[in-house]
């Protein structure tokens, strides 16, 4: 009997030779690596989800397309150009005509416009084309070239005035034709505010140059 054979274990249970089985605990390295990999994956998913939420609420930090910036600059430039093109009241000559049955209305209105800085041309009754035919507060009439320049400047002085242009009209003078609903020019403060908004739109020419 071998010395390695425990007492009472003979026959087929006999252990022979100079080696014997070693009893080791099961290896856990594979489980540990799997747990680490799973943790890394979870952390990665959490980080990715956080970045997606940040992009949603902040717009992702993406710059506006060049085409959008160009269109914005063009709009700003148009506003700036319009502000620079508007004439001052002192450069605008206004003819005041009375299309109502009330007497002295044209002269009174012309004097008020003169106080506000406008130049005064003809003053009198309206022509047959308009006499007793203007139901509103009045008509501001001028050449086609005045549509976006002197016409809106004069219109700030009379709320509700109709703006018209006449093709082929000579000169740069404007006509203010007073209608049946005319009660007087706009209050000085209101007219000044309207003129300021018209002549100094936002953004200004300087801000346009800086941002574009």
N, C-alpha and C. Protein backbone atom coordinates (compact mmCIF):
# COMPACT_ATOMS: atom_id res chain seq x y z
N UNK A 1 0.86 -1.19 0.00
CA UNK A 1 0.00 0.00 0.00
C UNK A 1 0.89 1.24 0.00
N UNK A 2 0.48 2.18 -0.79
CA UNK A 2 1.25 3.43 -0.82
C UNK A 2 1.05 4.20 0.46
N UNK A 3 2.01 5.00 0.76
CA UNK A 3 1.93 5.84 1.96
C UNK A 3 0.88 6.92 1.80
N UNK A 4 0.46 7.20 0.56
CA UNK A 4 -0.54 8.24 0.32
C UNK A 4 -1.94 7.71 0.46
N UNK A 5 -2.06 6.39 0.57
CA UNK A 5 -3.39 5.81 0.67
C UNK A 5 -3.86 5.85 2.10
N UNK A 6 -4.97 6.54 2.35
CA UNK A 6 -5.45 6.61 3.72
C UNK A 6 -5.82 5.23 4.21
N UNK A 7 -5.75 5.04 5.51
CA UNK A 7 -6.09 3.73 6.08
C UNK A 7 -7.50 3.32 5.69
N UNK A 8 -7.69 2.09 5.40
CA UNK A 8 -9.02 1.57 5.07
C UNK A 8 -9.42 1.75 3.65
N UNK A 9 -8.59 2.43 2.83
CA UNK A 9 -8.94 2.66 1.42
C UNK A 9 -8.01 1.86 0.55
N UNK A 10 -8.43 0.69 0.22
CA UNK A 10 -7.64 -0.17 -0.63
C UNK A 10 -8.35 -0.44 -1.90
N UNK A 11 -7.92 -1.45 -2.56
CA UNK A 11 -8.60 -1.85 -3.79
C UNK A 11 -8.55 -0.76 -4.84
N UNK A 12 -9.71 -0.48 -5.40
CA UNK A 12 -9.79 0.50 -6.49
C UNK A 12 -9.62 1.93 -6.02
N UNK A 13 -9.66 2.18 -4.76
CA UNK A 13 -9.48 3.52 -4.23
C UNK A 13 -8.04 3.82 -3.87
N UNK A 14 -7.19 2.86 -4.19
CA UNK A 14 -5.78 3.03 -3.83
C UNK A 14 -5.16 4.12 -4.69
N UNK A 15 -4.43 5.01 -4.05
CA UNK A 15 -3.75 6.10 -4.74
C UNK A 15 -2.30 5.73 -4.85
N UNK A 16 -1.82 5.71 -6.02
CA UNK A 16 -0.43 5.35 -6.24
C UNK A 16 0.30 6.49 -6.89
N UNK A 17 1.59 6.45 -6.88
CA UNK A 17 2.38 7.48 -7.53
C UNK A 17 2.84 8.53 -6.53
N UNK A 18 3.63 9.47 -7.08
CA UNK A 18 4.19 10.50 -6.20
C UNK A 18 3.43 11.82 -6.28
N UNK A 19 2.27 11.89 -6.99
CA UNK A 19 1.50 13.13 -7.09
C UNK A 19 0.12 12.92 -6.55
N UNK A 20 -0.53 14.01 -6.23
CA UNK A 20 -1.89 13.94 -5.71
C UNK A 20 -2.64 15.20 -6.13
N UNK A 21 -3.92 15.12 -6.26
CA UNK A 21 -4.69 16.31 -6.73
C UNK A 21 -4.66 17.44 -5.71
N UNK A 22 -4.52 18.64 -6.25
CA UNK A 22 -4.53 19.84 -5.41
C UNK A 22 -5.93 20.43 -5.36
N UNK A 23 -6.33 20.87 -4.19
CA UNK A 23 -7.67 21.45 -4.00
C UNK A 23 -7.56 22.97 -4.06
N UNK A 24 -8.06 23.59 -5.12
CA UNK A 24 -7.99 25.05 -5.30
C UNK A 24 -9.41 25.64 -5.31
N UNK A 25 -9.53 26.90 -4.82
CA UNK A 25 -10.84 27.57 -4.94
C UNK A 25 -11.09 27.91 -6.40
N UNK A 26 -12.33 27.98 -6.86
CA UNK A 26 -12.64 28.30 -8.27
C UNK A 26 -12.13 29.68 -8.64
N UNK A 27 -11.65 29.80 -9.86
CA UNK A 27 -11.15 31.08 -10.35
C UNK A 27 -12.29 32.09 -10.56
N UNK A 28 -12.06 33.35 -10.12
CA UNK A 28 -13.10 34.39 -10.26
C UNK A 28 -12.65 35.55 -11.15
N UNK A 29 -11.51 35.40 -11.77
CA UNK A 29 -11.00 36.49 -12.61
C UNK A 29 -11.95 36.80 -13.76
N UNK A 30 -12.54 35.82 -14.38
CA UNK A 30 -13.46 36.05 -15.50
C UNK A 30 -14.68 36.84 -15.07
N UNK A 31 -15.22 36.51 -13.91
CA UNK A 31 -16.39 37.25 -13.42
C UNK A 31 -16.05 38.70 -13.11
N UNK A 32 -14.87 38.92 -12.55
CA UNK A 32 -14.46 40.28 -12.22
C UNK A 32 -14.32 41.14 -13.48
N UNK A 33 -13.70 40.56 -14.52
CA UNK A 33 -13.55 41.32 -15.77
C UNK A 33 -14.90 41.64 -16.40
N UNK A 34 -15.85 40.70 -16.32
CA UNK A 34 -17.19 40.95 -16.88
C UNK A 34 -17.90 42.07 -16.13
N UNK A 35 -17.73 42.09 -14.80
CA UNK A 35 -18.37 43.14 -14.00
C UNK A 35 -17.78 44.51 -14.32
N UNK A 36 -16.45 44.57 -14.50
CA UNK A 36 -15.79 45.84 -14.85
C UNK A 36 -16.27 46.35 -16.20
N UNK A 37 -16.36 45.43 -17.18
CA UNK A 37 -16.81 45.83 -18.52
C UNK A 37 -18.24 46.35 -18.49
N UNK A 38 -19.10 45.70 -17.70
CA UNK A 38 -20.49 46.14 -17.60
C UNK A 38 -20.57 47.53 -16.97
N UNK A 39 -19.73 47.78 -15.96
CA UNK A 39 -19.73 49.10 -15.29
C UNK A 39 -19.30 50.20 -16.24
N UNK A 40 -18.25 49.91 -17.03
CA UNK A 40 -17.77 50.90 -18.00
C UNK A 40 -18.85 51.22 -19.02
N UNK A 41 -19.56 50.19 -19.48
CA UNK A 41 -20.62 50.40 -20.47
C UNK A 41 -21.73 51.27 -19.91
N UNK A 42 -22.14 50.99 -18.66
CA UNK A 42 -23.22 51.78 -18.03
C UNK A 42 -22.80 53.23 -17.87
N UNK A 43 -21.55 53.44 -17.39
CA UNK A 43 -21.07 54.82 -17.23
C UNK A 43 -21.00 55.55 -18.56
N UNK A 44 -20.60 54.82 -19.61
CA UNK A 44 -20.55 55.44 -20.93
C UNK A 44 -21.92 55.87 -21.42
N UNK A 45 -22.92 55.03 -21.21
CA UNK A 45 -24.28 55.36 -21.62
C UNK A 45 -24.82 56.56 -20.85
N UNK A 46 -24.50 56.61 -19.54
CA UNK A 46 -24.96 57.75 -18.74
C UNK A 46 -24.32 59.05 -19.24
N UNK A 47 -23.00 58.99 -19.53
CA UNK A 47 -22.33 60.19 -20.03
C UNK A 47 -22.88 60.64 -21.36
N UNK A 48 -23.13 59.69 -22.27
CA UNK A 48 -23.69 60.03 -23.59
C UNK A 48 -25.06 60.67 -23.45
N UNK A 49 -25.91 60.11 -22.56
CA UNK A 49 -27.24 60.67 -22.34
C UNK A 49 -27.18 62.07 -21.79
N UNK A 50 -26.20 62.32 -20.89
CA UNK A 50 -26.05 63.67 -20.34
C UNK A 50 -25.67 64.67 -21.41
N UNK A 51 -24.75 64.29 -22.30
CA UNK A 51 -24.35 65.17 -23.40
C UNK A 51 -25.52 65.47 -24.32
N UNK A 52 -26.36 64.47 -24.56
CA UNK A 52 -27.52 64.70 -25.43
C UNK A 52 -28.47 65.71 -24.81
N UNK A 53 -28.69 65.62 -23.49
CA UNK A 53 -29.57 66.58 -22.81
C UNK A 53 -28.98 67.98 -22.86
N UNK A 54 -27.65 68.08 -22.69
CA UNK A 54 -27.01 69.40 -22.75
C UNK A 54 -27.18 70.00 -24.14
N UNK A 55 -27.03 69.17 -25.18
CA UNK A 55 -27.21 69.66 -26.55
C UNK A 55 -28.62 70.16 -26.79
N UNK A 56 -29.60 69.44 -26.21
CA UNK A 56 -31.01 69.83 -26.41
C UNK A 56 -31.27 71.20 -25.83
N UNK A 57 -30.77 71.45 -24.62
CA UNK A 57 -31.08 72.71 -23.92
C UNK A 57 -30.18 73.86 -24.31
N UNK A 58 -29.02 73.58 -24.88
CA UNK A 58 -28.10 74.65 -25.24
C UNK A 58 -27.95 74.83 -26.74
N UNK A 59 -28.61 73.97 -27.51
CA UNK A 59 -28.49 74.08 -28.95
C UNK A 59 -27.25 73.44 -29.50
N UNK A 60 -26.52 72.72 -28.63
CA UNK A 60 -25.36 71.99 -29.10
C UNK A 60 -24.15 72.85 -29.41
N UNK A 61 -24.25 74.17 -29.15
CA UNK A 61 -23.12 75.05 -29.40
C UNK A 61 -22.79 75.21 -30.86
N UNK A 62 -23.75 74.85 -31.74
CA UNK A 62 -23.50 74.95 -33.17
C UNK A 62 -23.70 76.39 -33.65
N UNK A 63 -22.85 76.82 -34.52
CA UNK A 63 -22.97 78.16 -35.08
C UNK A 63 -24.03 78.18 -36.17
N UNK A 64 -24.64 79.35 -36.35
CA UNK A 64 -25.65 79.48 -37.39
C UNK A 64 -24.99 79.32 -38.75
N UNK A 65 -25.71 78.74 -39.71
CA UNK A 65 -25.15 78.57 -41.05
C UNK A 65 -24.74 79.91 -41.64
N UNK A 66 -23.77 79.87 -42.52
CA UNK A 66 -23.29 81.11 -43.14
C UNK A 66 -24.39 81.81 -43.90
N UNK A 67 -25.30 81.04 -44.52
CA UNK A 67 -26.39 81.65 -45.27
C UNK A 67 -27.31 82.46 -44.37
N UNK A 68 -27.56 81.93 -43.13
CA UNK A 68 -28.42 82.64 -42.19
C UNK A 68 -27.75 83.92 -41.73
N UNK A 69 -26.43 83.86 -41.46
CA UNK A 69 -25.71 85.06 -41.04
C UNK A 69 -25.72 86.11 -42.16
N UNK A 70 -25.57 85.66 -43.39
CA UNK A 70 -25.56 86.59 -44.52
C UNK A 70 -26.91 87.27 -44.66
N UNK A 71 -28.00 86.50 -44.54
CA UNK A 71 -29.34 87.09 -44.64
C UNK A 71 -29.57 88.09 -43.52
N UNK A 72 -29.10 87.76 -42.30
CA UNK A 72 -29.28 88.67 -41.18
C UNK A 72 -28.52 89.96 -41.41
N UNK A 73 -27.31 89.85 -41.93
CA UNK A 73 -26.51 91.04 -42.21
C UNK A 73 -27.16 91.90 -43.29
N UNK A 74 -27.77 91.24 -44.28
CA UNK A 74 -28.43 92.00 -45.34
C UNK A 74 -29.61 92.78 -44.78
N UNK A 75 -30.36 92.16 -43.85
CA UNK A 75 -31.50 92.83 -43.24
C UNK A 75 -31.04 94.05 -42.44
N UNK A 76 -29.97 93.84 -41.65
CA UNK A 76 -29.44 94.95 -40.86
C UNK A 76 -28.95 96.08 -41.76
N UNK A 77 -28.28 95.70 -42.85
CA UNK A 77 -27.77 96.71 -43.76
C UNK A 77 -28.91 97.49 -44.41
N UNK A 78 -30.02 96.80 -44.70
CA UNK A 78 -31.17 97.48 -45.30
C UNK A 78 -31.76 98.50 -44.33
N UNK A 79 -31.86 98.11 -43.04
CA UNK A 79 -32.37 99.04 -42.04
C UNK A 79 -31.44 100.26 -41.91
N UNK A 80 -30.14 100.00 -41.89
CA UNK A 80 -29.18 101.08 -41.75
C UNK A 80 -29.23 102.02 -42.95
N UNK A 81 -29.32 101.43 -44.15
CA UNK A 81 -29.38 102.25 -45.36
C UNK A 81 -30.64 103.10 -45.39
N UNK A 82 -31.76 102.51 -44.92
CA UNK A 82 -33.01 103.26 -44.90
C UNK A 82 -32.91 104.45 -43.95
N UNK A 83 -32.28 104.23 -42.77
CA UNK A 83 -32.14 105.30 -41.79
C UNK A 83 -31.32 106.45 -42.36
N UNK A 84 -30.24 106.09 -43.10
CA UNK A 84 -29.40 107.12 -43.67
C UNK A 84 -30.09 107.85 -44.82
N UNK A 85 -31.05 107.20 -45.51
CA UNK A 85 -31.69 107.79 -46.68
C UNK A 85 -32.83 108.74 -46.33
N UNK A 86 -33.38 108.64 -45.12
CA UNK A 86 -34.52 109.48 -44.76
C UNK A 86 -34.09 110.94 -44.63
N UNK A 87 -34.81 111.83 -45.29
CA UNK A 87 -34.46 113.25 -45.22
C UNK A 87 -34.97 113.90 -43.94
N UNK A 88 -34.37 115.00 -43.58
CA UNK A 88 -34.81 115.77 -42.42
C UNK A 88 -35.98 116.68 -42.83
N UNK A 89 -36.87 117.02 -41.88
CA UNK A 89 -38.02 117.87 -42.22
C UNK A 89 -37.61 119.18 -42.91
N UNK A 90 -36.45 119.71 -42.53
CA UNK A 90 -36.02 120.97 -43.13
C UNK A 90 -35.70 120.90 -44.60
N UNK A 91 -35.58 119.70 -45.14
CA UNK A 91 -35.28 119.53 -46.57
C UNK A 91 -36.54 119.17 -47.37
N UNK A 92 -37.67 119.11 -46.71
CA UNK A 92 -38.92 118.70 -47.37
C UNK A 92 -39.84 119.91 -47.53
N UNK A 93 -40.26 120.15 -48.76
CA UNK A 93 -41.21 121.23 -49.04
C UNK A 93 -42.61 120.66 -49.15
N UNK A 94 -43.54 121.24 -48.39
CA UNK A 94 -44.92 120.72 -48.33
C UNK A 94 -45.90 121.76 -48.84
N UNK A 95 -46.75 121.34 -49.78
CA UNK A 95 -47.87 122.17 -50.23
C UNK A 95 -49.11 121.73 -49.44
N UNK A 96 -49.80 122.66 -48.82
CA UNK A 96 -50.95 122.31 -47.98
C UNK A 96 -52.23 122.77 -48.67
N UNK A 97 -53.14 121.81 -48.89
CA UNK A 97 -54.39 122.10 -49.59
C UNK A 97 -55.58 121.67 -48.74
N UNK A 98 -56.61 122.48 -48.75
CA UNK A 98 -57.82 122.22 -47.97
C UNK A 98 -58.90 121.65 -48.88
N UNK A 99 -59.30 120.40 -48.60
CA UNK A 99 -60.35 119.76 -49.40
C UNK A 99 -61.68 119.73 -48.65
N UNK A 100 -61.79 120.49 -47.55
CA UNK A 100 -63.02 120.50 -46.75
C UNK A 100 -63.80 121.80 -46.97
N UNK A 101 -64.92 121.91 -46.29
CA UNK A 101 -65.74 123.12 -46.37
C UNK A 101 -65.30 124.18 -45.36
N UNK A 102 -64.42 123.82 -44.49
CA UNK A 102 -63.95 124.74 -43.45
C UNK A 102 -62.92 125.70 -44.03
N UNK A 103 -63.03 126.95 -43.70
CA UNK A 103 -62.11 127.96 -44.24
C UNK A 103 -60.91 128.15 -43.31
N UNK A 104 -59.78 128.54 -43.91
CA UNK A 104 -58.58 128.84 -43.13
C UNK A 104 -57.82 127.62 -42.63
N UNK A 105 -58.28 126.43 -42.96
CA UNK A 105 -57.68 125.21 -42.43
C UNK A 105 -56.28 124.98 -43.01
N UNK A 106 -56.09 125.26 -44.28
CA UNK A 106 -54.80 125.04 -44.92
C UNK A 106 -53.73 125.97 -44.35
N UNK A 107 -54.08 127.23 -44.17
CA UNK A 107 -53.11 128.19 -43.64
C UNK A 107 -52.70 127.85 -42.21
N UNK A 108 -53.68 127.49 -41.40
CA UNK A 108 -53.40 127.13 -40.01
C UNK A 108 -52.48 125.91 -39.91
N UNK A 109 -52.74 124.93 -40.75
CA UNK A 109 -51.94 123.71 -40.74
C UNK A 109 -50.53 123.99 -41.26
N UNK A 110 -50.43 124.82 -42.29
CA UNK A 110 -49.13 125.16 -42.86
C UNK A 110 -48.25 125.86 -41.82
N UNK A 111 -48.84 126.75 -41.05
CA UNK A 111 -48.08 127.46 -40.01
C UNK A 111 -47.54 126.48 -38.95
N UNK A 112 -48.35 125.48 -38.61
CA UNK A 112 -47.92 124.50 -37.62
C UNK A 112 -46.79 123.63 -38.17
N UNK A 113 -46.90 123.24 -39.42
CA UNK A 113 -45.83 122.46 -40.04
C UNK A 113 -44.53 123.25 -40.12
N UNK A 114 -44.65 124.53 -40.36
CA UNK A 114 -43.46 125.38 -40.43
C UNK A 114 -42.76 125.42 -39.07
N UNK A 115 -43.55 125.47 -37.99
CA UNK A 115 -42.97 125.46 -36.65
C UNK A 115 -42.22 124.16 -36.36
N UNK A 116 -42.65 123.09 -37.01
CA UNK A 116 -42.04 121.78 -36.80
C UNK A 116 -40.85 121.52 -37.72
N UNK A 117 -40.48 122.54 -38.49
CA UNK A 117 -39.26 122.44 -39.29
C UNK A 117 -39.44 122.18 -40.76
N UNK A 118 -40.66 121.99 -41.24
CA UNK A 118 -40.88 121.73 -42.66
C UNK A 118 -40.89 123.04 -43.45
N UNK A 119 -40.49 122.94 -44.71
CA UNK A 119 -40.60 124.08 -45.61
C UNK A 119 -42.00 124.10 -46.20
N UNK A 120 -42.56 125.26 -46.38
CA UNK A 120 -43.93 125.39 -46.88
C UNK A 120 -43.90 125.96 -48.29
N UNK A 121 -44.67 125.31 -49.18
CA UNK A 121 -44.79 125.78 -50.55
C UNK A 121 -46.13 126.48 -50.76
N UNK A 122 -46.97 125.91 -51.62
CA UNK A 122 -48.28 126.51 -51.88
C UNK A 122 -49.26 126.20 -50.75
N UNK A 123 -50.16 127.15 -50.50
CA UNK A 123 -51.21 126.97 -49.49
C UNK A 123 -52.52 127.46 -50.10
N UNK A 124 -53.56 126.61 -50.05
CA UNK A 124 -54.84 127.02 -50.63
C UNK A 124 -55.83 125.88 -50.66
N UNK A 125 -56.82 126.02 -51.52
CA UNK A 125 -57.86 125.00 -51.66
C UNK A 125 -57.38 123.86 -52.57
N UNK A 126 -57.93 122.68 -52.34
CA UNK A 126 -57.55 121.52 -53.14
C UNK A 126 -58.13 121.63 -54.55
N UNK A 127 -57.52 120.90 -55.46
CA UNK A 127 -57.99 120.89 -56.84
C UNK A 127 -59.32 120.13 -56.93
N UNK A 128 -59.98 120.21 -58.09
CA UNK A 128 -61.27 119.54 -58.28
C UNK A 128 -61.16 118.03 -58.08
N UNK A 129 -60.00 117.49 -58.34
CA UNK A 129 -59.80 116.05 -58.19
C UNK A 129 -60.02 115.60 -56.74
N UNK A 130 -59.72 116.50 -55.78
CA UNK A 130 -59.81 116.14 -54.37
C UNK A 130 -60.82 116.97 -53.59
N UNK A 131 -61.21 118.12 -54.10
CA UNK A 131 -62.08 119.03 -53.34
C UNK A 131 -63.40 118.36 -52.95
N UNK A 132 -63.66 118.34 -51.63
CA UNK A 132 -64.87 117.74 -51.05
C UNK A 132 -64.97 116.23 -51.30
N UNK A 133 -63.85 115.59 -51.63
CA UNK A 133 -63.87 114.17 -51.94
C UNK A 133 -62.98 113.33 -51.02
N UNK A 134 -62.37 113.97 -50.07
CA UNK A 134 -61.48 113.26 -49.14
C UNK A 134 -62.21 113.07 -47.82
N UNK A 135 -62.61 111.86 -47.53
CA UNK A 135 -63.41 111.58 -46.33
C UNK A 135 -62.55 111.34 -45.08
N UNK A 136 -61.32 110.90 -45.28
CA UNK A 136 -60.45 110.60 -44.14
C UNK A 136 -59.78 111.84 -43.60
N UNK A 137 -58.74 111.64 -42.80
CA UNK A 137 -58.03 112.78 -42.20
C UNK A 137 -57.26 113.56 -43.25
N UNK A 138 -56.76 112.88 -44.26
CA UNK A 138 -56.00 113.57 -45.28
C UNK A 138 -55.22 112.63 -46.16
N UNK A 139 -54.58 113.19 -47.17
CA UNK A 139 -53.76 112.42 -48.11
C UNK A 139 -52.39 113.07 -48.19
N UNK A 140 -51.35 112.25 -48.12
CA UNK A 140 -49.98 112.71 -48.33
C UNK A 140 -49.58 112.23 -49.71
N UNK A 141 -49.35 113.16 -50.62
CA UNK A 141 -49.11 112.83 -52.03
C UNK A 141 -47.73 113.32 -52.46
N UNK A 142 -47.03 112.47 -53.21
CA UNK A 142 -45.71 112.86 -53.69
C UNK A 142 -45.28 112.02 -54.87
N UNK A 143 -44.07 112.24 -55.39
CA UNK A 143 -43.56 111.46 -56.52
C UNK A 143 -43.22 110.04 -56.06
N UNK A 144 -43.06 109.15 -57.04
CA UNK A 144 -42.73 107.76 -56.72
C UNK A 144 -41.45 107.64 -55.91
N UNK A 145 -40.49 108.50 -56.18
CA UNK A 145 -39.20 108.45 -55.48
C UNK A 145 -39.31 108.78 -53.99
N UNK A 146 -40.45 109.37 -53.59
CA UNK A 146 -40.62 109.78 -52.19
C UNK A 146 -41.30 108.72 -51.34
N UNK A 147 -41.66 107.58 -51.95
CA UNK A 147 -42.44 106.57 -51.26
C UNK A 147 -41.79 106.10 -49.96
N UNK A 148 -40.50 105.87 -49.98
CA UNK A 148 -39.79 105.38 -48.80
C UNK A 148 -38.83 106.40 -48.21
N UNK A 149 -39.01 107.67 -48.59
CA UNK A 149 -38.09 108.70 -48.08
C UNK A 149 -38.88 109.84 -47.41
N UNK A 150 -39.21 110.86 -48.17
CA UNK A 150 -39.87 112.02 -47.57
C UNK A 150 -41.34 111.78 -47.24
N UNK A 151 -42.00 110.89 -47.97
CA UNK A 151 -43.42 110.64 -47.74
C UNK A 151 -43.69 110.11 -46.32
N UNK A 152 -43.00 109.06 -45.85
CA UNK A 152 -43.23 108.60 -44.49
C UNK A 152 -42.84 109.62 -43.43
N UNK A 153 -41.88 110.48 -43.74
CA UNK A 153 -41.50 111.52 -42.77
C UNK A 153 -42.65 112.49 -42.55
N UNK A 154 -43.27 112.95 -43.63
CA UNK A 154 -44.41 113.85 -43.49
C UNK A 154 -45.61 113.15 -42.87
N UNK A 155 -45.78 111.87 -43.16
CA UNK A 155 -46.91 111.11 -42.63
C UNK A 155 -46.87 110.99 -41.11
N UNK A 156 -45.70 111.16 -40.49
CA UNK A 156 -45.62 111.10 -39.02
C UNK A 156 -46.36 112.27 -38.38
N UNK A 157 -46.63 113.31 -39.15
CA UNK A 157 -47.28 114.49 -38.60
C UNK A 157 -48.80 114.42 -38.63
N UNK A 158 -49.35 113.43 -39.33
CA UNK A 158 -50.80 113.30 -39.44
C UNK A 158 -51.20 111.84 -39.33
N UNK A 159 -51.71 111.46 -38.16
CA UNK A 159 -52.09 110.07 -37.93
C UNK A 159 -53.24 109.67 -38.85
N UNK A 160 -53.11 108.51 -39.47
CA UNK A 160 -54.16 108.00 -40.34
C UNK A 160 -54.17 108.58 -41.74
N UNK A 161 -53.16 109.35 -42.08
CA UNK A 161 -53.11 109.93 -43.43
C UNK A 161 -52.84 108.84 -44.47
N UNK A 162 -53.52 108.96 -45.60
CA UNK A 162 -53.31 108.02 -46.70
C UNK A 162 -52.10 108.45 -47.51
N UNK A 163 -51.25 107.50 -47.85
CA UNK A 163 -50.07 107.81 -48.63
C UNK A 163 -50.28 107.43 -50.09
N UNK A 164 -49.98 108.38 -50.97
CA UNK A 164 -50.12 108.12 -52.40
C UNK A 164 -48.92 108.66 -53.15
N UNK A 165 -48.62 108.02 -54.28
CA UNK A 165 -47.58 108.52 -55.17
C UNK A 165 -48.17 108.70 -56.56
N UNK A 166 -47.62 109.64 -57.30
CA UNK A 166 -48.10 109.92 -58.66
C UNK A 166 -46.97 109.72 -59.64
N UNK A 167 -47.15 108.78 -60.55
CA UNK A 167 -46.13 108.51 -61.56
C UNK A 167 -46.02 109.69 -62.52
N UNK A 168 -44.80 110.11 -62.79
CA UNK A 168 -44.59 111.22 -63.70
C UNK A 168 -44.67 112.59 -63.04
N UNK A 169 -44.93 112.63 -61.74
CA UNK A 169 -44.99 113.89 -61.02
C UNK A 169 -43.59 114.51 -60.99
N UNK A 170 -43.49 115.78 -61.32
CA UNK A 170 -42.21 116.47 -61.37
C UNK A 170 -41.88 117.10 -60.02
N UNK A 171 -40.59 117.18 -59.75
CA UNK A 171 -40.14 117.81 -58.51
C UNK A 171 -40.23 116.87 -57.32
N UNK A 172 -39.72 117.34 -56.18
CA UNK A 172 -39.71 116.53 -54.96
C UNK A 172 -40.70 117.02 -53.91
N UNK A 173 -41.46 118.08 -54.23
CA UNK A 173 -42.42 118.61 -53.26
C UNK A 173 -43.52 117.59 -52.94
N UNK A 174 -44.06 117.69 -51.72
CA UNK A 174 -45.16 116.85 -51.29
C UNK A 174 -46.42 117.68 -51.10
N UNK A 175 -47.57 117.03 -51.28
CA UNK A 175 -48.86 117.68 -51.04
C UNK A 175 -49.51 117.07 -49.80
N UNK A 176 -49.98 117.93 -48.91
CA UNK A 176 -50.77 117.47 -47.78
C UNK A 176 -52.20 117.97 -48.01
N UNK A 177 -53.09 117.03 -48.35
CA UNK A 177 -54.47 117.39 -48.66
C UNK A 177 -55.35 117.04 -47.48
N UNK A 178 -55.96 118.03 -46.86
CA UNK A 178 -56.74 117.84 -45.63
C UNK A 178 -58.15 117.37 -45.96
N UNK A 179 -58.60 116.30 -45.27
CA UNK A 179 -59.91 115.72 -45.53
C UNK A 179 -60.94 116.07 -44.47
N UNK A 180 -62.15 115.56 -44.65
CA UNK A 180 -63.28 115.88 -43.78
C UNK A 180 -63.05 115.46 -42.32
N UNK A 181 -62.30 114.41 -42.08
CA UNK A 181 -62.07 113.92 -40.72
C UNK A 181 -60.87 114.57 -40.04
N UNK A 182 -60.28 115.55 -40.70
CA UNK A 182 -59.10 116.20 -40.13
C UNK A 182 -59.48 117.04 -38.91
N UNK A 183 -58.79 116.78 -37.80
CA UNK A 183 -59.02 117.54 -36.56
C UNK A 183 -57.79 118.33 -36.16
N UNK A 184 -56.72 118.13 -36.84
CA UNK A 184 -55.46 118.77 -36.50
C UNK A 184 -54.30 117.80 -36.68
N UNK A 185 -53.11 118.32 -36.69
CA UNK A 185 -51.94 117.47 -36.81
C UNK A 185 -51.75 116.63 -35.55
N UNK A 186 -50.94 115.60 -35.65
CA UNK A 186 -50.64 114.77 -34.49
C UNK A 186 -49.98 115.64 -33.42
N UNK A 187 -50.15 115.27 -32.16
CA UNK A 187 -49.51 116.00 -31.07
C UNK A 187 -48.00 116.04 -31.32
N UNK A 188 -47.39 117.14 -30.94
CA UNK A 188 -45.97 117.32 -31.20
C UNK A 188 -45.14 116.17 -30.64
N UNK A 189 -45.42 115.76 -29.41
CA UNK A 189 -44.65 114.69 -28.77
C UNK A 189 -44.82 113.37 -29.53
N UNK A 190 -46.04 113.06 -29.92
CA UNK A 190 -46.31 111.82 -30.65
C UNK A 190 -45.63 111.84 -32.01
N UNK A 191 -45.68 112.99 -32.69
CA UNK A 191 -45.05 113.11 -33.99
C UNK A 191 -43.53 112.97 -33.89
N UNK A 192 -42.96 113.56 -32.85
CA UNK A 192 -41.51 113.46 -32.65
C UNK A 192 -41.09 112.02 -32.38
N UNK A 193 -41.88 111.31 -31.58
CA UNK A 193 -41.56 109.90 -31.29
C UNK A 193 -41.64 109.04 -32.55
N UNK A 194 -42.69 109.29 -33.34
CA UNK A 194 -42.85 108.53 -34.59
C UNK A 194 -41.70 108.82 -35.55
N UNK A 195 -41.27 110.06 -35.60
CA UNK A 195 -40.17 110.45 -36.47
C UNK A 195 -38.86 109.84 -36.00
N UNK A 196 -38.67 109.78 -34.68
CA UNK A 196 -37.45 109.20 -34.13
C UNK A 196 -37.38 107.70 -34.43
N UNK A 197 -38.51 107.00 -34.28
CA UNK A 197 -38.53 105.57 -34.59
C UNK A 197 -38.28 105.32 -36.06
N UNK A 198 -38.77 106.21 -36.88
CA UNK A 198 -38.64 106.04 -38.33
C UNK A 198 -37.21 106.30 -38.79
N UNK A 199 -36.57 107.32 -38.24
CA UNK A 199 -35.26 107.73 -38.71
C UNK A 199 -34.12 107.02 -38.01
N UNK A 200 -34.40 106.33 -36.91
CA UNK A 200 -33.33 105.63 -36.18
C UNK A 200 -33.76 104.23 -35.82
N UNK A 201 -34.01 103.35 -36.82
CA UNK A 201 -34.41 101.98 -36.51
C UNK A 201 -33.27 101.20 -35.90
N UNK A 202 -33.58 100.11 -35.22
CA UNK A 202 -32.59 99.22 -34.62
C UNK A 202 -32.48 97.96 -35.50
N UNK A 203 -31.27 97.49 -35.81
CA UNK A 203 -30.00 97.96 -35.34
C UNK A 203 -29.47 99.13 -36.14
N UNK A 204 -28.52 99.86 -35.56
CA UNK A 204 -27.93 101.02 -36.23
C UNK A 204 -26.87 100.56 -37.23
N UNK A 205 -26.40 101.53 -38.01
CA UNK A 205 -25.38 101.21 -39.01
C UNK A 205 -24.10 100.74 -38.35
N UNK A 206 -23.72 101.34 -37.19
CA UNK A 206 -22.48 100.95 -36.52
C UNK A 206 -22.54 99.52 -36.04
N UNK A 207 -23.68 99.12 -35.41
CA UNK A 207 -23.80 97.76 -34.92
C UNK A 207 -23.82 96.76 -36.06
N UNK A 208 -24.34 97.17 -37.22
CA UNK A 208 -24.34 96.29 -38.38
C UNK A 208 -22.92 96.00 -38.85
N UNK A 209 -22.10 97.03 -38.87
CA UNK A 209 -20.73 96.84 -39.32
C UNK A 209 -19.95 95.94 -38.36
N UNK A 210 -20.19 96.10 -37.04
CA UNK A 210 -19.46 95.32 -36.06
C UNK A 210 -19.86 93.85 -36.09
N UNK A 211 -21.14 93.57 -36.24
CA UNK A 211 -21.62 92.19 -36.17
C UNK A 211 -21.47 91.46 -37.50
N UNK A 212 -21.31 92.17 -38.58
CA UNK A 212 -21.21 91.52 -39.89
C UNK A 212 -19.83 91.71 -40.50
